[in-house]
Amino acid sequence: MRRTARWLALPGHYAVTWDDDGYPALLREIPDPPVVLFLRGNPATLSLPQLAVVGSRNATPVGNDTARAFASALGGAGFCITSGLARGIDAAAHAGALDAGAPTIAVCGTGPDIVYPAAHRRLADRIAERGAVLAEFPPGTGPRPAHFPRRNRLISGLAVGVLVVEAGERSGALITARLAANQGREVFAVPGSIRQPLARGCHRLLQQGANLATRPADIVRELPSLLAHCAQAFEQNIPPGADTVRTPVEPAAKRVLDRMGWEPVSVDELVRWTGLTAAELCSMLVTLELAGRVISLVGGRFQRREEGRQNERNRA
């Protein structure tokens, strides 16, 4: 207890409990959510729409490059990238999010004050600057084999979906994917060569019904349904009276909102009209949807919320 108290007294260190408004809404849905989360970094990161990227610790150079590229693109599209701080795919995913200036969350199988592997101490510090280093185990808890499957349920539980990049037939990433499916999350897998042992786990997931991911756009295409899941969980856990508060949006996002008008539009149409990139627009649409200004429709189209039109009429 003393060690925990000393750790919490340091700047940027937090304990987020089940009773806190900042406890992640999606995590409340899983069968055995932790009562407390120890966090180093920004607690607000927990409320962002998260996509988990996981895979082999002994990844190939191609696998690491793929994970980094996916994480960078998805981070630019508005997702917070969540992973486990392990060697290989996990580290590449965190690095890709940081490349894009996007937030990322590292879920640890240790206490929040112990970095495992120790070689990732600098990476953990960078993650805490842009997002959060998270653990359910109290400070002082070292790495133990039983901790990592427990950590995996948090990685999948925090996210709206899980992307697996390179996984052997006995990879821990397959545990995360199974947990994700049981938790009602979307599972994506990157295919590989039939001669590559580290592709066999991904191929098995694809045989079992996982979504094929050959490029980041395959996941961005699922953005509306993924965010709908996130929004539903948020609404179920929203504090009384909070739904009457309209979240302000950034000026750039408001310009996109004004350009949309009141008819359904696609991201491609907005790209042509605004000159912004698809990644920039997806990030802004995430902001607008979470702020209650936009709804996502079937086919990847977006539309301004009708009550917003009524509010404008009332002001007129």
C-alpha atoms as a PDB file:
ATOM      1  CA  MET A   1       0.000   0.000   0.000  1.00  0.00           C
ATOM      2  CA  ARG A   2       2.831   2.398   0.792  1.00  0.00           C
ATOM      3  CA  ARG A   3       4.466   1.752  -2.569  1.00  0.00           C
ATOM      4  CA  THR A   4       1.149   2.393  -4.305  1.00  0.00           C
ATOM      5  CA  ALA A   5       0.625   5.611  -2.343  1.00  0.00           C
ATOM      6  CA  ARG A   6       4.114   6.826  -3.231  1.00  0.00           C
ATOM      7  CA  TRP A   7       3.550   6.015  -6.899  1.00  0.00           C
ATOM      8  CA  LEU A   8       0.200   7.816  -7.001  1.00  0.00           C
ATOM      9  CA  ALA A   9       1.749  10.896  -5.422  1.00  0.00           C
ATOM     10  CA  LEU A  10       3.942  11.423  -8.494  1.00  0.00           C
ATOM     11  CA  PRO A  11       2.757  13.802 -11.268  1.00  0.00           C
ATOM     12  CA  GLY A  12       0.821  12.170 -14.074  1.00  0.00           C
ATOM     13  CA  HIS A  13       0.026   9.018 -12.086  1.00  0.00           C
ATOM     14  CA  TYR A  14      -3.603   8.015 -11.543  1.00  0.00           C
ATOM     15  CA  ALA A  15      -5.885   5.294 -10.235  1.00  0.00           C
ATOM     16  CA  VAL A  16      -9.143   5.087 -12.226  1.00  0.00           C
ATOM     17  CA  THR A  17     -11.774   3.114 -10.332  1.00  0.00           C
ATOM     18  CA  TRP A  18     -15.010   1.494 -11.464  1.00  0.00           C
ATOM     19  CA  ASP A  19     -16.990   4.361  -9.898  1.00  0.00           C
ATOM     20  CA  ASP A  20     -15.119   7.074 -11.823  1.00  0.00           C
ATOM     21  CA  ASP A  21     -16.803   8.757 -14.811  1.00  0.00           C
ATOM     22  CA  GLY A  22     -13.530   8.258 -16.692  1.00  0.00           C
ATOM     23  CA  TYR A  23     -13.639   4.463 -16.421  1.00  0.00           C
ATOM     24  CA  PRO A  24     -13.719   3.112 -20.022  1.00  0.00           C
ATOM     25  CA  ALA A  25     -17.293   2.381 -21.089  1.00  0.00           C
ATOM     26  CA  LEU A  26     -16.364  -0.574 -23.292  1.00  0.00           C
ATOM     27  CA  LEU A  27     -14.356  -2.176 -20.508  1.00  0.00           C
ATOM     28  CA  ARG A  28     -17.468  -2.252 -18.326  1.00  0.00           C
ATOM     29  CA  GLU A  29     -18.984  -4.711 -20.838  1.00  0.00           C
ATOM     30  CA  ILE A  30     -16.493  -7.540 -20.351  1.00  0.00           C
ATOM     31  CA  PRO A  31     -17.254 -10.371 -17.893  1.00  0.00           C
ATOM     32  CA  ASP A  32     -14.480  -9.556 -15.410  1.00  0.00           C
ATOM     33  CA  PRO A  33     -13.505  -5.863 -15.622  1.00  0.00           C
ATOM     34  CA  PRO A  34     -10.850  -4.699 -13.163  1.00  0.00           C
ATOM     35  CA  VAL A  35     -12.024  -2.660 -10.205  1.00  0.00           C
ATOM     36  CA  VAL A  36      -9.124  -0.231 -10.568  1.00  0.00           C
ATOM     37  CA  LEU A  37      -6.771   0.784 -13.367  1.00  0.00           C
ATOM     38  CA  PHE A  38      -3.361   2.262 -12.607  1.00  0.00           C
ATOM     39  CA  LEU A  39      -2.344   4.749 -15.265  1.00  0.00           C
ATOM     40  CA  ARG A  40       0.655   6.861 -16.191  1.00  0.00           C
ATOM     41  CA  GLY A  41      -0.138   9.538 -18.757  1.00  0.00           C
ATOM     42  CA  ASN A  42      -3.446  11.105 -19.786  1.00  0.00           C
ATOM     43  CA  PRO A  43      -6.622   9.493 -18.327  1.00  0.00           C
ATOM     44  CA  ALA A  44      -8.761  11.090 -21.051  1.00  0.00           C
ATOM     45  CA  THR A  45      -7.102   8.722 -23.547  1.00  0.00           C
ATOM     46  CA  LEU A  46      -9.226   5.891 -22.120  1.00  0.00           C
ATOM     47  CA  SER A  47     -12.376   7.469 -23.570  1.00  0.00           C
ATOM     48  CA  LEU A  48     -11.054   7.585 -27.152  1.00  0.00           C
ATOM     49  CA  PRO A  49     -12.160   4.996 -29.747  1.00  0.00           C
ATOM     50  CA  GLN A  50      -9.417   2.383 -29.612  1.00  0.00           C
ATOM     51  CA  LEU A  51      -8.197  -0.233 -32.054  1.00  0.00           C
ATOM     52  CA  ALA A  52      -5.885  -2.951 -30.732  1.00  0.00           C
ATOM     53  CA  VAL A  53      -2.934  -4.087 -32.861  1.00  0.00           C
ATOM     54  CA  VAL A  54      -1.221  -7.288 -31.676  1.00  0.00           C
ATOM     55  CA  GLY A  55       0.965 -10.080 -32.990  1.00  0.00           C
ATOM     56  CA  SER A  56       4.117 -12.112 -32.594  1.00  0.00           C
ATOM     57  CA  ARG A  57       6.995 -11.116 -30.329  1.00  0.00           C
ATOM     58  CA  ASN A  58       9.366 -12.690 -32.866  1.00  0.00           C
ATOM     59  CA  ALA A  59       7.965 -10.808 -35.833  1.00  0.00           C
ATOM     60  CA  THR A  60       9.690 -10.617 -39.194  1.00  0.00           C
ATOM     61  CA  PRO A  61      10.920  -7.249 -40.528  1.00  0.00           C
ATOM     62  CA  VAL A  62       7.995  -7.300 -42.967  1.00  0.00           C
ATOM     63  CA  GLY A  63       5.570  -7.927 -40.111  1.00  0.00           C
ATOM     64  CA  ASN A  64       6.988  -5.077 -38.052  1.00  0.00           C
ATOM     65  CA  ASP A  65       6.793  -2.721 -41.037  1.00  0.00           C
ATOM     66  CA  THR A  66       3.200  -3.791 -41.719  1.00  0.00           C
ATOM     67  CA  ALA A  67       2.120  -3.247 -38.112  1.00  0.00           C
ATOM     68  CA  ARG A  68       3.808   0.142 -37.990  1.00  0.00           C
ATOM     69  CA  ALA A  69       2.202   1.256 -41.266  1.00  0.00           C
ATOM     70  CA  PHE A  70      -1.280   0.085 -40.226  1.00  0.00           C
ATOM     71  CA  ALA A  71      -0.993   1.747 -36.814  1.00  0.00           C
ATOM     72  CA  SER A  72       0.226   5.011 -38.321  1.00  0.00           C
ATOM     73  CA  ALA A  73      -2.607   5.132 -40.861  1.00  0.00           C
ATOM     74  CA  LEU A  74      -5.283   4.096 -38.360  1.00  0.00           C
ATOM     75  CA  GLY A  75      -3.967   6.559 -35.797  1.00  0.00           C
ATOM     76  CA  GLY A  76      -4.229   9.278 -38.435  1.00  0.00           C
ATOM     77  CA  ALA A  77      -7.810   8.151 -39.129  1.00  0.00           C
ATOM     78  CA  GLY A  78      -8.822   8.878 -35.537  1.00  0.00           C
ATOM     79  CA  PHE A  79      -8.175   5.674 -33.616  1.00  0.00           C
ATOM     80  CA  CYS A  80      -6.135   5.425 -30.436  1.00  0.00           C
ATOM     81  CA  ILE A  81      -3.834   2.413 -30.952  1.00  0.00           C
ATOM     82  CA  THR A  82      -3.802  -0.046 -28.055  1.00  0.00           C
ATOM     83  CA  SER A  83      -1.275  -2.842 -27.604  1.00  0.00           C
ATOM     84  CA  GLY A  84       0.781  -4.676 -24.992  1.00  0.00           C
ATOM     85  CA  LEU A  85       4.272  -3.069 -25.070  1.00  0.00           C
ATOM     86  CA  ALA A  86       5.844  -6.436 -25.959  1.00  0.00           C
ATOM     87  CA  ARG A  87       8.647  -6.960 -28.450  1.00  0.00           C
ATOM     88  CA  GLY A  88       7.798  -7.312 -32.111  1.00  0.00           C
ATOM     89  CA  ILE A  89       4.350  -6.342 -33.383  1.00  0.00           C
ATOM     90  CA  ASP A  90       3.265  -4.585 -30.172  1.00  0.00           C
ATOM     91  CA  ALA A  91       6.267  -2.248 -30.169  1.00  0.00           C
ATOM     92  CA  ALA A  92       5.873  -1.592 -33.896  1.00  0.00           C
ATOM     93  CA  ALA A  93       2.196  -0.685 -33.401  1.00  0.00           C
ATOM     94  CA  HIS A  94       2.983   1.785 -30.622  1.00  0.00           C
ATOM     95  CA  ALA A  95       5.759   3.310 -32.738  1.00  0.00           C
ATOM     96  CA  GLY A  96       3.420   3.653 -35.733  1.00  0.00           C
ATOM     97  CA  ALA A  97       0.865   5.567 -33.689  1.00  0.00           C
ATOM     98  CA  LEU A  98       3.599   7.847 -32.371  1.00  0.00           C
ATOM     99  CA  ASP A  99       4.823   8.399 -35.948  1.00  0.00           C
ATOM    100  CA  ALA A 100       1.376   9.785 -36.783  1.00  0.00           C
ATOM    101  CA  GLY A 101       1.219  11.942 -33.653  1.00  0.00           C
ATOM    102  CA  ALA A 102      -1.707   9.801 -32.502  1.00  0.00           C
ATOM    103  CA  PRO A 103      -2.397   8.635 -28.935  1.00  0.00           C
ATOM    104  CA  THR A 104      -1.516   5.080 -27.983  1.00  0.00           C
ATOM    105  CA  ILE A 105      -2.135   2.956 -24.890  1.00  0.00           C
ATOM    106  CA  ALA A 106       0.231   0.285 -23.578  1.00  0.00           C
ATOM    107  CA  VAL A 107      -1.483  -2.323 -21.396  1.00  0.00           C
ATOM    108  CA  CYS A 108       1.071  -3.986 -19.120  1.00  0.00           C
ATOM    109  CA  GLY A 109       1.271  -7.411 -17.539  1.00  0.00           C
ATOM    110  CA  THR A 110       3.133  -5.840 -14.622  1.00  0.00           C
ATOM    111  CA  GLY A 111       2.576  -2.995 -12.227  1.00  0.00           C
ATOM    112  CA  PRO A 112       2.547   0.475 -13.843  1.00  0.00           C
ATOM    113  CA  ASP A 113       6.006   1.261 -12.468  1.00  0.00           C
ATOM    114  CA  ILE A 114       7.756  -1.720 -14.060  1.00  0.00           C
ATOM    115  CA  VAL A 115       8.512  -1.726 -17.779  1.00  0.00           C
ATOM    116  CA  TYR A 116       8.685  -5.173 -19.341  1.00  0.00           C
ATOM    117  CA  PRO A 117      10.763  -5.736 -21.331  1.00  0.00           C
ATOM    118  CA  ALA A 118      13.152  -3.256 -19.750  1.00  0.00           C
ATOM    119  CA  ALA A 119      14.500  -2.339 -23.194  1.00  0.00           C
ATOM    120  CA  HIS A 120      11.181  -0.579 -23.877  1.00  0.00           C
ATOM    121  CA  ARG A 121      11.564   1.980 -21.091  1.00  0.00           C
ATOM    122  CA  ARG A 122      12.078   4.861 -23.526  1.00  0.00           C
ATOM    123  CA  LEU A 123       9.140   3.677 -25.631  1.00  0.00           C
ATOM    124  CA  ALA A 124       6.954   3.536 -22.504  1.00  0.00           C
ATOM    125  CA  ASP A 125       7.933   7.117 -21.650  1.00  0.00           C
ATOM    126  CA  ARG A 126       6.985   8.287 -25.151  1.00  0.00           C
ATOM    127  CA  ILE A 127       3.663   6.450 -24.897  1.00  0.00           C
ATOM    128  CA  ALA A 128       2.896   8.140 -21.564  1.00  0.00           C
ATOM    129  CA  GLU A 129       3.576  11.520 -23.188  1.00  0.00           C
ATOM    130  CA  ARG A 130       1.080  10.891 -26.019  1.00  0.00           C
ATOM    131  CA  GLY A 131      -1.358   8.498 -24.345  1.00  0.00           C
ATOM    132  CA  ALA A 132      -1.171   6.162 -21.373  1.00  0.00           C
ATOM    133  CA  VAL A 133       0.688   3.248 -19.827  1.00  0.00           C
ATOM    134  CA  LEU A 134      -1.966   1.137 -18.121  1.00  0.00           C
ATOM    135  CA  ALA A 135      -2.051  -1.776 -15.666  1.00  0.00           C
ATOM    136  CA  GLU A 136      -4.553  -3.489 -13.398  1.00  0.00           C
ATOM    137  CA  PHE A 137      -1.748  -4.748 -11.158  1.00  0.00           C
ATOM    138  CA  PRO A 138      -0.525  -2.442  -8.368  1.00  0.00           C
ATOM    139  CA  PRO A 139       2.916  -0.829  -8.386  1.00  0.00           C
ATOM    140  CA  GLY A 140       5.713  -3.240  -7.577  1.00  0.00           C
ATOM    141  CA  THR A 141       4.120  -6.220  -9.374  1.00  0.00           C
ATOM    142  CA  GLY A 142       6.665  -7.965 -11.564  1.00  0.00           C
ATOM    143  CA  PRO A 143       6.072  -9.987 -14.758  1.00  0.00           C
ATOM    144  CA  ARG A 144       4.519 -13.420 -14.240  1.00  0.00           C
ATOM    145  CA  PRO A 145       3.260 -15.848 -16.907  1.00  0.00           C
ATOM    146  CA  ALA A 146      -0.329 -15.774 -15.641  1.00  0.00           C
ATOM    147  CA  HIS A 147      -0.480 -11.969 -15.887  1.00  0.00           C
ATOM    148  CA  PHE A 148      -0.264 -11.768 -19.667  1.00  0.00           C
ATOM    149  CA  PRO A 149      -3.492 -13.610 -20.572  1.00  0.00           C
ATOM    150  CA  ARG A 150      -5.235 -11.330 -18.042  1.00  0.00           C
ATOM    151  CA  ARG A 151      -3.612  -8.339 -19.720  1.00  0.00           C
ATOM    152  CA  ASN A 152      -4.849  -9.571 -23.113  1.00  0.00           C
ATOM    153  CA  ARG A 153      -8.503  -9.411 -22.042  1.00  0.00           C
ATOM    154  CA  LEU A 154      -7.985  -5.701 -21.264  1.00  0.00           C
ATOM    155  CA  ILE A 155      -6.352  -5.024 -24.640  1.00  0.00           C
ATOM    156  CA  SER A 156      -9.375  -6.468 -26.427  1.00  0.00           C
ATOM    157  CA  GLY A 157     -11.867  -5.111 -23.894  1.00  0.00           C
ATOM    158  CA  LEU A 158     -10.732  -1.516 -24.305  1.00  0.00           C
ATOM    159  CA  ALA A 159     -10.906  -1.633 -28.100  1.00  0.00           C
ATOM    160  CA  VAL A 160     -13.715  -1.649 -30.653  1.00  0.00           C
ATOM    161  CA  GLY A 161     -11.679  -4.074 -32.754  1.00  0.00           C
ATOM    162  CA  VAL A 162      -8.466  -6.110 -32.798  1.00  0.00           C
ATOM    163  CA  LEU A 163      -6.022  -6.361 -35.712  1.00  0.00           C
ATOM    164  CA  VAL A 164      -3.644  -9.354 -35.686  1.00  0.00           C
ATOM    165  CA  VAL A 165      -0.423  -8.963 -37.680  1.00  0.00           C
ATOM    166  CA  GLU A 166       1.725 -12.121 -37.797  1.00  0.00           C
ATOM    167  CA  ALA A 167       0.883 -14.826 -35.283  1.00  0.00           C
ATOM    168  CA  GLY A 168       2.103 -18.385 -34.971  1.00  0.00           C
ATOM    169  CA  GLU A 169      -0.219 -21.259 -34.195  1.00  0.00           C
ATOM    170  CA  ARG A 170       0.372 -20.834 -30.450  1.00  0.00           C
ATOM    171  CA  SER A 171       0.730 -17.058 -30.344  1.00  0.00           C
ATOM    172  CA  GLY A 172      -0.683 -15.108 -27.432  1.00  0.00           C
ATOM    173  CA  ALA A 173      -2.211 -12.813 -30.048  1.00  0.00           C
ATOM    174  CA  LEU A 174      -4.693 -15.595 -30.818  1.00  0.00           C
ATOM    175  CA  ILE A 175      -5.792 -15.468 -27.176  1.00  0.00           C
ATOM    176  CA  THR A 176      -6.452 -11.748 -27.591  1.00  0.00           C
ATOM    177  CA  ALA A 177      -8.397 -12.399 -30.804  1.00  0.00           C
ATOM    178  CA  ARG A 178     -10.507 -15.110 -29.141  1.00  0.00           C
ATOM    179  CA  LEU A 179     -11.245 -12.838 -26.206  1.00  0.00           C
ATOM    180  CA  ALA A 180     -12.182 -10.053 -28.610  1.00  0.00           C
ATOM    181  CA  ALA A 181     -14.656 -12.296 -30.425  1.00  0.00           C
ATOM    182  CA  ASN A 182     -16.169 -13.414 -27.110  1.00  0.00           C
ATOM    183  CA  GLN A 183     -16.481  -9.758 -26.068  1.00  0.00           C
ATOM    184  CA  GLY A 184     -18.331  -8.887 -29.269  1.00  0.00           C
ATOM    185  CA  ARG A 185     -15.456  -6.976 -30.852  1.00  0.00           C
ATOM    186  CA  GLU A 186     -14.475  -7.045 -34.528  1.00  0.00           C
ATOM    187  CA  VAL A 187     -11.401  -9.140 -35.367  1.00  0.00           C
ATOM    188  CA  PHE A 188      -9.152  -8.363 -38.353  1.00  0.00           C
ATOM    189  CA  ALA A 189      -6.195 -10.393 -39.610  1.00  0.00           C
ATOM    190  CA  VAL A 190      -3.417  -9.661 -42.094  1.00  0.00           C
ATOM    191  CA  PRO A 191      -2.718 -12.617 -44.412  1.00  0.00           C
ATOM    192  CA  GLY A 192       0.756 -13.860 -45.268  1.00  0.00           C
ATOM    193  CA  SER A 193       2.613 -16.482 -47.238  1.00  0.00           C
ATOM    194  CA  ILE A 194       1.424 -20.073 -46.841  1.00  0.00           C
ATOM    195  CA  ARG A 195       5.091 -20.946 -46.248  1.00  0.00           C
ATOM    196  CA  GLN A 196       5.469 -18.469 -43.383  1.00  0.00           C
ATOM    197  CA  PRO A 197       4.869 -20.071 -39.937  1.00  0.00           C
ATOM    198  CA  LEU A 198       4.013 -16.659 -38.466  1.00  0.00           C
ATOM    199  CA  ALA A 199       1.101 -16.357 -40.905  1.00  0.00           C
ATOM    200  CA  ARG A 200      -0.608 -19.563 -39.782  1.00  0.00           C
ATOM    201  CA  GLY A 201      -2.355 -17.979 -36.818  1.00  0.00           C
ATOM    202  CA  CYS A 202      -3.759 -15.191 -39.021  1.00  0.00           C
ATOM    203  CA  HIS A 203      -4.904 -17.721 -41.621  1.00  0.00           C
ATOM    204  CA  ARG A 204      -6.684 -19.697 -38.920  1.00  0.00           C
ATOM    205  CA  LEU A 205      -8.485 -16.544 -37.788  1.00  0.00           C
ATOM    206  CA  LEU A 206      -9.558 -15.836 -41.363  1.00  0.00           C
ATOM    207  CA  GLN A 207     -10.904 -19.394 -41.667  1.00  0.00           C
ATOM    208  CA  GLN A 208     -12.882 -18.789 -38.467  1.00  0.00           C
ATOM    209  CA  GLY A 209     -14.507 -15.649 -39.854  1.00  0.00           C
ATOM    210  CA  ALA A 210     -12.119 -12.798 -39.044  1.00  0.00           C
ATOM    211  CA  ASN A 211     -12.179  -9.781 -41.364  1.00  0.00           C
ATOM    212  CA  LEU A 212      -9.481  -9.743 -44.045  1.00  0.00           C
ATOM    213  CA  ALA A 213      -7.158  -6.741 -43.723  1.00  0.00           C
ATOM    214  CA  THR A 214      -4.744  -6.179 -46.596  1.00  0.00           C
ATOM    215  CA  ARG A 215      -4.537  -2.407 -46.153  1.00  0.00           C
ATOM    216  CA  PRO A 216      -5.649   0.160 -43.550  1.00  0.00           C
ATOM    217  CA  ALA A 217      -8.608   1.150 -45.730  1.00  0.00           C
ATOM    218  CA  ASP A 218     -10.135  -2.291 -45.079  1.00  0.00           C
ATOM    219  CA  ILE A 219     -10.502  -1.292 -41.427  1.00  0.00           C
ATOM    220  CA  VAL A 220     -11.376   2.366 -42.020  1.00  0.00           C
ATOM    221  CA  ARG A 221     -14.248   1.083 -44.186  1.00  0.00           C
ATOM    222  CA  GLU A 222     -15.690  -0.499 -41.031  1.00  0.00           C
ATOM    223  CA  LEU A 223     -15.373   2.791 -39.119  1.00  0.00           C
ATOM    224  CA  PRO A 224     -19.125   3.544 -38.869  1.00  0.00           C
ATOM    225  CA  SER A 225     -20.034   0.164 -37.369  1.00  0.00           C
ATOM    226  CA  LEU A 226     -17.030   0.210 -35.041  1.00  0.00           C
ATOM    227  CA  LEU A 227     -17.901   3.676 -33.768  1.00  0.00           C
ATOM    228  CA  ALA A 228     -21.554   2.710 -33.391  1.00  0.00           C
ATOM    229  CA  HIS A 229     -20.456   0.026 -30.935  1.00  0.00           C
ATOM    230  CA  CYS A 230     -18.350   2.562 -29.064  1.00  0.00           C
ATOM    231  CA  ALA A 231     -21.181   5.120 -28.989  1.00  0.00           C
ATOM    232  CA  GLN A 232     -23.677   2.533 -27.722  1.00  0.00           C
ATOM    233  CA  ALA A 233     -21.396   1.602 -24.821  1.00  0.00           C
ATOM    234  CA  PHE A 234     -20.852   5.266 -24.026  1.00  0.00           C
ATOM    235  CA  GLU A 235     -24.583   5.991 -23.970  1.00  0.00           C
ATOM    236  CA  GLN A 236     -25.187   3.050 -21.634  1.00  0.00           C
ATOM    237  CA  ASN A 237     -22.641   4.388 -19.150  1.00  0.00           C
ATOM    238  CA  ILE A 238     -23.148   8.132 -19.546  1.00  0.00           C
ATOM    239  CA  PRO A 239     -23.593  10.038 -16.239  1.00  0.00           C
ATOM    240  CA  PRO A 240     -27.096  11.454 -15.563  1.00  0.00           C
ATOM    241  CA  GLY A 241     -27.618  14.783 -17.297  1.00  0.00           C
ATOM    242  CA  ALA A 242     -24.436  14.539 -19.355  1.00  0.00           C
ATOM    243  CA  ASP A 243     -26.381  13.941 -22.562  1.00  0.00           C
ATOM    244  CA  THR A 244     -27.666  17.513 -22.432  1.00  0.00           C
ATOM    245  CA  VAL A 245     -24.174  18.909 -22.880  1.00  0.00           C
ATOM    246  CA  ARG A 246     -22.973  19.335 -26.476  1.00  0.00           C
ATOM    247  CA  THR A 247     -19.249  18.774 -26.813  1.00  0.00           C
ATOM    248  CA  PRO A 248     -17.480  21.635 -28.653  1.00  0.00           C
ATOM    249  CA  VAL A 249     -15.575  20.745 -31.799  1.00  0.00           C
ATOM    250  CA  GLU A 250     -12.385  22.176 -33.252  1.00  0.00           C
ATOM    251  CA  PRO A 251     -12.698  24.965 -35.862  1.00  0.00           C
ATOM    252  CA  ALA A 252     -11.345  22.715 -38.645  1.00  0.00           C
ATOM    253  CA  ALA A 253     -13.937  20.048 -37.852  1.00  0.00           C
ATOM    254  CA  LYS A 254     -16.673  22.682 -37.749  1.00  0.00           C
ATOM    255  CA  ARG A 255     -15.715  23.781 -41.273  1.00  0.00           C
ATOM    256  CA  VAL A 256     -16.198  20.189 -42.418  1.00  0.00           C
ATOM    257  CA  LEU A 257     -19.554  20.129 -40.634  1.00  0.00           C
ATOM    258  CA  ASP A 258     -20.651  23.325 -42.382  1.00  0.00           C
ATOM    259  CA  ARG A 259     -19.560  21.960 -45.763  1.00  0.00           C
ATOM    260  CA  MET A 260     -21.580  18.764 -45.309  1.00  0.00           C
ATOM    261  CA  GLY A 261     -24.981  20.438 -45.460  1.00  0.00           C
ATOM    262  CA  TRP A 262     -27.871  18.176 -44.469  1.00  0.00           C
ATOM    263  CA  GLU A 263     -27.716  15.418 -47.078  1.00  0.00           C
ATOM    264  CA  PRO A 264     -25.781  12.130 -46.642  1.00  0.00           C
ATOM    265  CA  VAL A 265     -22.242  12.386 -48.016  1.00  0.00           C
ATOM    266  CA  SER A 266     -19.311  10.032 -48.429  1.00  0.00           C
ATOM    267  CA  VAL A 267     -15.733  10.561 -47.327  1.00  0.00           C
ATOM    268  CA  ASP A 268     -14.695  10.675 -51.007  1.00  0.00           C
ATOM    269  CA  GLU A 269     -17.123  13.544 -51.631  1.00  0.00           C
ATOM    270  CA  LEU A 270     -15.766  15.445 -48.638  1.00  0.00           C
ATOM    271  CA  VAL A 271     -12.207  14.885 -49.888  1.00  0.00           C
ATOM    272  CA  ARG A 272     -13.146  16.540 -53.178  1.00  0.00           C
ATOM    273  CA  TRP A 273     -15.006  19.397 -51.528  1.00  0.00           C
ATOM    274  CA  THR A 274     -12.528  20.241 -48.768  1.00  0.00           C
ATOM    275  CA  GLY A 275      -9.119  19.290 -50.173  1.00  0.00           C
ATOM    276  CA  LEU A 276      -8.329  17.384 -46.975  1.00  0.00           C
ATOM    277  CA  THR A 277      -6.956  13.848 -46.978  1.00  0.00           C
ATOM    278  CA  ALA A 278      -9.169  10.855 -46.204  1.00  0.00           C
ATOM    279  CA  ALA A 279      -7.219  10.268 -42.977  1.00  0.00           C
ATOM    280  CA  GLU A 280      -7.748  13.883 -41.851  1.00  0.00           C
ATOM    281  CA  LEU A 281     -11.447  13.698 -42.634  1.00  0.00           C
ATOM    282  CA  CYS A 282     -11.941  10.365 -40.865  1.00  0.00           C
ATOM    283  CA  SER A 283     -10.313  11.826 -37.755  1.00  0.00           C
ATOM    284  CA  MET A 284     -12.626  14.845 -37.880  1.00  0.00           C
ATOM    285  CA  LEU A 285     -15.699  12.667 -38.486  1.00  0.00           C
ATOM    286  CA  VAL A 286     -14.775  10.645 -35.397  1.00  0.00           C
ATOM    287  CA  THR A 287     -14.651  13.890 -33.409  1.00  0.00           C
ATOM    288  CA  LEU A 288     -17.974  15.073 -34.810  1.00  0.00           C
ATOM    289  CA  GLU A 289     -19.710  11.741 -34.215  1.00  0.00           C
ATOM    290  CA  LEU A 290     -18.524  11.507 -30.622  1.00  0.00           C
ATOM    291  CA  ALA A 291     -19.617  15.133 -30.117  1.00  0.00           C
ATOM    292  CA  GLY A 292     -23.127  14.227 -31.287  1.00  0.00           C
ATOM    293  CA  ARG A 293     -22.999  16.393 -34.426  1.00  0.00           C
ATOM    294  CA  VAL A 294     -22.854  13.629 -37.061  1.00  0.00           C
ATOM    295  CA  ILE A 295     -24.319  10.155 -37.516  1.00  0.00           C
ATOM    296  CA  SER A 296     -22.837   7.347 -39.602  1.00  0.00           C
ATOM    297  CA  LEU A 297     -25.042   5.620 -42.168  1.00  0.00           C
ATOM    298  CA  VAL A 298     -24.939   2.341 -44.047  1.00  0.00           C
ATOM    299  CA  GLY A 299     -22.349   2.311 -46.829  1.00  0.00           C
ATOM    300  CA  GLY A 300     -19.818   4.531 -45.089  1.00  0.00           C
ATOM    301  CA  ARG A 301     -21.791   7.769 -45.558  1.00  0.00           C
ATOM    302  CA  PHE A 302     -22.272  10.475 -42.941  1.00  0.00           C
ATOM    303  CA  GLN A 303     -25.013  12.995 -42.196  1.00  0.00           C
ATOM    304  CA  ARG A 304     -25.479  15.874 -39.796  1.00  0.00           C
ATOM    305  CA  ARG A 305     -27.785  15.102 -36.880  1.00  0.00           C
ATOM    306  CA  GLU A 306     -31.338  16.381 -37.371  1.00  0.00           C
ATOM    307  CA  GLU A 307     -31.548  17.955 -33.913  1.00  0.00           C
ATOM    308  CA  GLY A 308     -28.692  20.224 -34.913  1.00  0.00           C
ATOM    309  CA  ARG A 309     -30.883  21.613 -37.716  1.00  0.00           C
ATOM    310  CA  GLN A 310     -33.711  22.198 -35.227  1.00  0.00           C
ATOM    311  CA  ASN A 311     -31.356  24.051 -32.879  1.00  0.00           C
ATOM    312  CA  GLU A 312     -30.316  26.334 -35.750  1.00  0.00           C
ATOM    313  CA  ARG A 313     -33.981  27.033 -36.572  1.00  0.00           C
ATOM    314  CA  ASN A 314     -34.650  27.880 -32.914  1.00  0.00           C
ATOM    315  CA  ARG A 315     -31.749  30.335 -32.862  1.00  0.00           C
ATOM    316  CA  ALA A 316     -33.093  31.960 -36.042  1.00  0.00           C
END
